[in-house]
Structures are given as C-alpha cells and as structure tokens.
C-alpha cells in the first residue's frame, strides 16, 4: 500500500476531513491533498504531527515504504529524536475562538480612552490571526476604533493646546 493511501485511510479512520487536518496543522488543504494523491511527500515534522493527529504510530503511516525513508534519509533514531523535540499537536479545531471575542471587546473598549484607543487596536490587529472566529470583524472594528480614537484625540488636543478660535463669554442678565 502506498504512503498516500495509508495517509488517506488514517485520516478517514480518524474522522477528519482534509480541511480539518490542514487547520489543525496550520497548513493548506492543498498540501494534504498532494500527500494523499502522491504528488508530494510530507516532511518529517508533518509526518510526526500527522501520526499524533490520527493517533497511529509513525511506523504504521510509513510501513513498508523504504523509498520514503530513503527519500527522507532518516533512521529510526532520528525519527524518535524528532518526535521528542516536537510538542504535542493541539487537535482542538479553531482553538482561538475565545481569543477572537476578547480581542473584539478590547478593541471596542479602547475607543473610550482616545490616546490609548490609537495603540491598543494596533496591538489587537497584530495579535489577530486567521484562526480566530471573528477574524474579519476584529480587523474592521479595530480600524474603525483607530479612526475614532484619532479623531477624538485631535479634538482633545486642539481644545487643550491649539487655541484655534477664541471664545467670548457674555454675561447674562
């Protein structure tokens, strides 16, 4: 049995789609497809991660595939050493769901303090990633928060330091 069929069977036996495995490993779905259609081979790190995700041993994934081991130029000792170096794979899909909501709330609250509201949404944009559930919403809200805070900061700054106009106070009778 080829490595491609073994990878496909292991994925199907574990109940994952190609897209779910790609999301877990933070790679593209096309990479999984290439591996399962024998257009490419996964590297050692991805093989180890796949064995952890599918909950099968690495030997089962590449069993009877001497040409794969030869292409990777690996010995069993090197494979075991790499396995120890890699941390366990987080198989929870979309693991940053809670962080997306927190980033959205932080970005919204930051508009209440104008000078802070300029820099905090920039941090939120930096921290946001495509695995957050509210990825695009966070981007939009953060940009709007920056614009609102810039406007508010300018108004406060001009009122305090730039006397653009003089106000005259008239006494009332």
Protein backbone atom coordinates (compact mmCIF):
# COMPACT_ATOMS: atom_id res chain seq x y z
CA UNK A 1 0.00 0.00 0.00
CA UNK A 2 1.38 3.43 -0.90
CA UNK A 3 2.02 6.18 1.62
CA UNK A 4 -0.75 8.23 0.01
CA UNK A 5 -3.34 5.52 0.60
CA UNK A 6 -2.10 4.99 4.14
CA UNK A 7 -2.41 8.72 4.90
CA UNK A 8 -5.88 8.87 3.39
CA UNK A 9 -7.06 5.79 5.27
CA UNK A 10 -5.66 7.07 8.56
CA UNK A 11 -7.39 10.43 8.06
CA UNK A 12 -10.71 8.82 7.18
CA UNK A 13 -10.44 6.36 10.09
CA UNK A 14 -9.89 9.24 12.50
CA UNK A 15 -12.96 11.03 11.08
CA UNK A 16 -11.25 14.20 9.87
CA UNK A 17 -11.68 16.00 6.57
CA UNK A 18 -8.68 17.35 4.67
CA UNK A 19 -9.67 20.86 5.69
CA UNK A 20 -9.85 19.95 9.38
CA UNK A 21 -6.41 18.31 9.33
CA UNK A 22 -4.99 21.33 7.50
CA UNK A 23 -6.48 23.66 10.12
CA UNK A 24 -5.08 21.59 12.98
CA UNK A 25 -1.59 21.52 11.44
CA UNK A 26 -1.75 25.16 10.25
CA UNK A 27 -1.01 24.24 6.65
CA UNK A 28 -3.03 24.44 3.44
CA UNK A 29 -5.65 21.88 2.46
CA UNK A 30 -3.84 21.52 -0.86
CA UNK A 31 -0.79 20.11 0.97
CA UNK A 32 -2.91 17.34 2.46
CA UNK A 33 -4.38 16.65 -0.99
CA UNK A 34 -0.92 16.48 -2.58
CA UNK A 35 0.24 14.00 0.04
CA UNK A 36 -2.83 11.82 -0.45
CA UNK A 37 -2.50 11.89 -4.26
CA UNK A 38 1.24 11.09 -4.31
CA UNK A 39 2.20 14.43 -5.81
CA UNK A 40 4.38 15.24 -2.79
CA UNK A 41 5.60 13.70 0.46
CA UNK A 42 5.19 15.29 3.90
CA UNK A 43 8.35 16.28 5.72
CA UNK A 44 9.36 14.63 8.99
CA UNK A 45 7.74 17.23 11.24
CA UNK A 46 4.44 16.92 9.41
CA UNK A 47 4.64 13.11 9.46
CA UNK A 48 5.06 13.17 13.22
CA UNK A 49 2.21 15.66 13.60
CA UNK A 50 0.01 13.52 11.33
CA UNK A 51 0.73 10.44 13.42
CA UNK A 52 -0.28 12.38 16.54
CA UNK A 53 -3.46 13.74 14.95
CA UNK A 54 -4.51 10.38 13.51
CA UNK A 55 -3.43 8.60 16.72
CA UNK A 56 -1.42 5.99 14.83
CA UNK A 57 2.25 5.21 15.11
CA UNK A 58 4.67 6.66 12.63
CA UNK A 59 5.63 3.13 11.64
CA UNK A 60 2.03 2.45 10.62
CA UNK A 61 1.99 5.54 8.45
CA UNK A 62 5.18 4.71 6.55
CA UNK A 63 5.21 0.93 6.95
CA UNK A 64 6.77 -0.94 4.06
CA UNK A 65 7.77 2.31 2.42
CA UNK A 66 11.51 2.01 2.19
CA UNK A 67 11.62 4.51 -0.66
CA UNK A 68 10.03 7.17 1.58
CA UNK A 69 12.60 6.57 4.29
CA UNK A 70 15.31 6.73 1.65
CA UNK A 71 13.91 9.99 0.25
CA UNK A 72 13.83 11.46 3.74
CA UNK A 73 17.26 9.94 4.57
CA UNK A 74 16.11 9.01 8.03
CA UNK A 75 16.90 6.36 10.55
CA UNK A 76 14.61 5.23 13.32
CA UNK A 77 16.79 7.01 15.87
CA UNK A 78 16.43 10.32 14.01
CA UNK A 79 12.66 9.86 13.82
CA UNK A 80 12.45 9.22 17.57
CA UNK A 81 14.68 12.22 18.28
CA UNK A 82 12.46 14.50 16.16
CA UNK A 83 9.34 13.13 17.85
CA UNK A 84 10.75 14.10 21.25
CA UNK A 85 11.55 17.63 20.04
CA UNK A 86 8.07 18.32 18.76
CA UNK A 87 5.40 19.27 21.22
CA UNK A 88 2.05 17.59 21.17
CA UNK A 89 -0.36 18.69 18.48
CA UNK A 90 -3.44 20.58 19.60
CA UNK A 91 -6.23 18.72 17.86
CA UNK A 92 -8.94 21.09 19.03
CA UNK A 93 -10.26 22.78 15.90
CA UNK A 94 -10.38 26.55 15.85
CA UNK A 95 -8.62 26.73 19.18
CA UNK A 96 -8.57 30.55 19.25
CA UNK A 97 -12.35 31.05 19.31
CA UNK A 98 -12.36 32.67 22.75
CA UNK A 99 -9.46 34.96 21.90
CA UNK A 100 -11.41 36.43 18.98
CA UNK A 101 -14.19 37.63 21.25
CA UNK A 102 -11.73 39.04 23.78
CA UNK A 103 -9.82 40.93 21.07
CA UNK A 104 -13.07 42.39 19.75
CA UNK A 105 -14.11 43.59 23.21
CA UNK A 106 -10.67 45.08 23.94
CA UNK A 107 -10.71 46.95 20.65
CA UNK A 108 -14.19 48.36 21.34
CA UNK A 109 -13.40 49.41 24.92
CA UNK A 110 -10.16 51.10 23.87
CA UNK A 111 -12.14 53.78 21.98
CA UNK A 112 -13.29 55.20 25.34
CA UNK A 113 -9.77 56.44 26.11
CA UNK A 114 -8.70 58.37 22.99
CA UNK A 115 -4.88 58.25 23.18
CA UNK A 116 -4.91 54.62 24.30
CA UNK A 117 -7.51 53.81 21.64
CA UNK A 118 -4.95 54.52 18.94
CA UNK A 119 -2.39 51.96 20.07
CA UNK A 120 -4.45 49.15 21.61
CA UNK A 121 -6.32 48.37 18.35
CA UNK A 122 -2.94 48.22 16.60
CA UNK A 123 -1.90 45.54 19.09
CA UNK A 124 -5.24 43.79 18.52
CA UNK A 125 -4.60 43.79 14.75
CA UNK A 126 -1.14 42.37 15.34
CA UNK A 127 -2.49 39.69 17.68
CA UNK A 128 -5.42 38.72 15.42
CA UNK A 129 -4.92 35.73 13.13
CA UNK A 130 -6.97 33.86 10.56
CA UNK A 131 -7.84 31.12 13.05
CA UNK A 132 -9.89 33.49 15.22
CA UNK A 133 -13.61 33.06 14.78
CA UNK A 134 -14.17 36.80 14.29
CA UNK A 135 -11.07 37.46 12.18
CA UNK A 136 -12.56 39.93 9.66
CA UNK A 137 -14.85 41.57 12.20
CA UNK A 138 -11.90 42.23 14.51
CA UNK A 139 -9.99 43.83 11.65
CA UNK A 140 -12.89 46.11 10.74
CA UNK A 141 -13.69 47.12 14.33
CA UNK A 142 -10.01 47.77 15.10
CA UNK A 143 -9.58 50.05 12.09
CA UNK A 144 -12.75 51.96 12.98
CA UNK A 145 -11.56 52.20 16.61
CA UNK A 146 -8.25 53.68 15.47
CA UNK A 147 -10.02 56.26 13.30
CA UNK A 148 -12.47 57.22 16.08
CA UNK A 149 -9.64 57.50 18.61
CA UNK A 150 -7.54 59.60 16.23
CA UNK A 151 -10.47 61.96 15.74
CA UNK A 152 -11.19 62.18 19.46
CA UNK A 153 -7.51 62.68 20.28
CA UNK A 154 -7.27 65.51 17.75
CA UNK A 155 -10.34 67.21 19.20
CA UNK A 156 -8.99 66.97 22.75
CA UNK A 157 -5.52 68.11 21.69
CA UNK A 158 -6.86 71.07 19.73
CA UNK A 159 -9.14 72.13 22.60
CA UNK A 160 -6.33 71.99 25.13
CA UNK A 161 -3.33 73.28 23.22
CA UNK A 162 -4.37 74.90 20.00
CA UNK A 163 -6.48 77.94 20.52
CA UNK A 164 -7.89 77.91 17.04
CA UNK A 165 -10.69 80.23 17.99
CA UNK A 166 -11.34 82.42 20.94
CA UNK A 167 -14.47 82.06 22.88
CA UNK A 168 -16.20 85.07 24.28
CA UNK A 169 -18.35 84.69 27.33
CA UNK A 170 -21.15 87.24 27.65
CA UNK A 171 -22.79 87.82 30.98
CA UNK A 172 -26.50 87.17 31.16
CA UNK A 173 -28.95 89.47 32.87
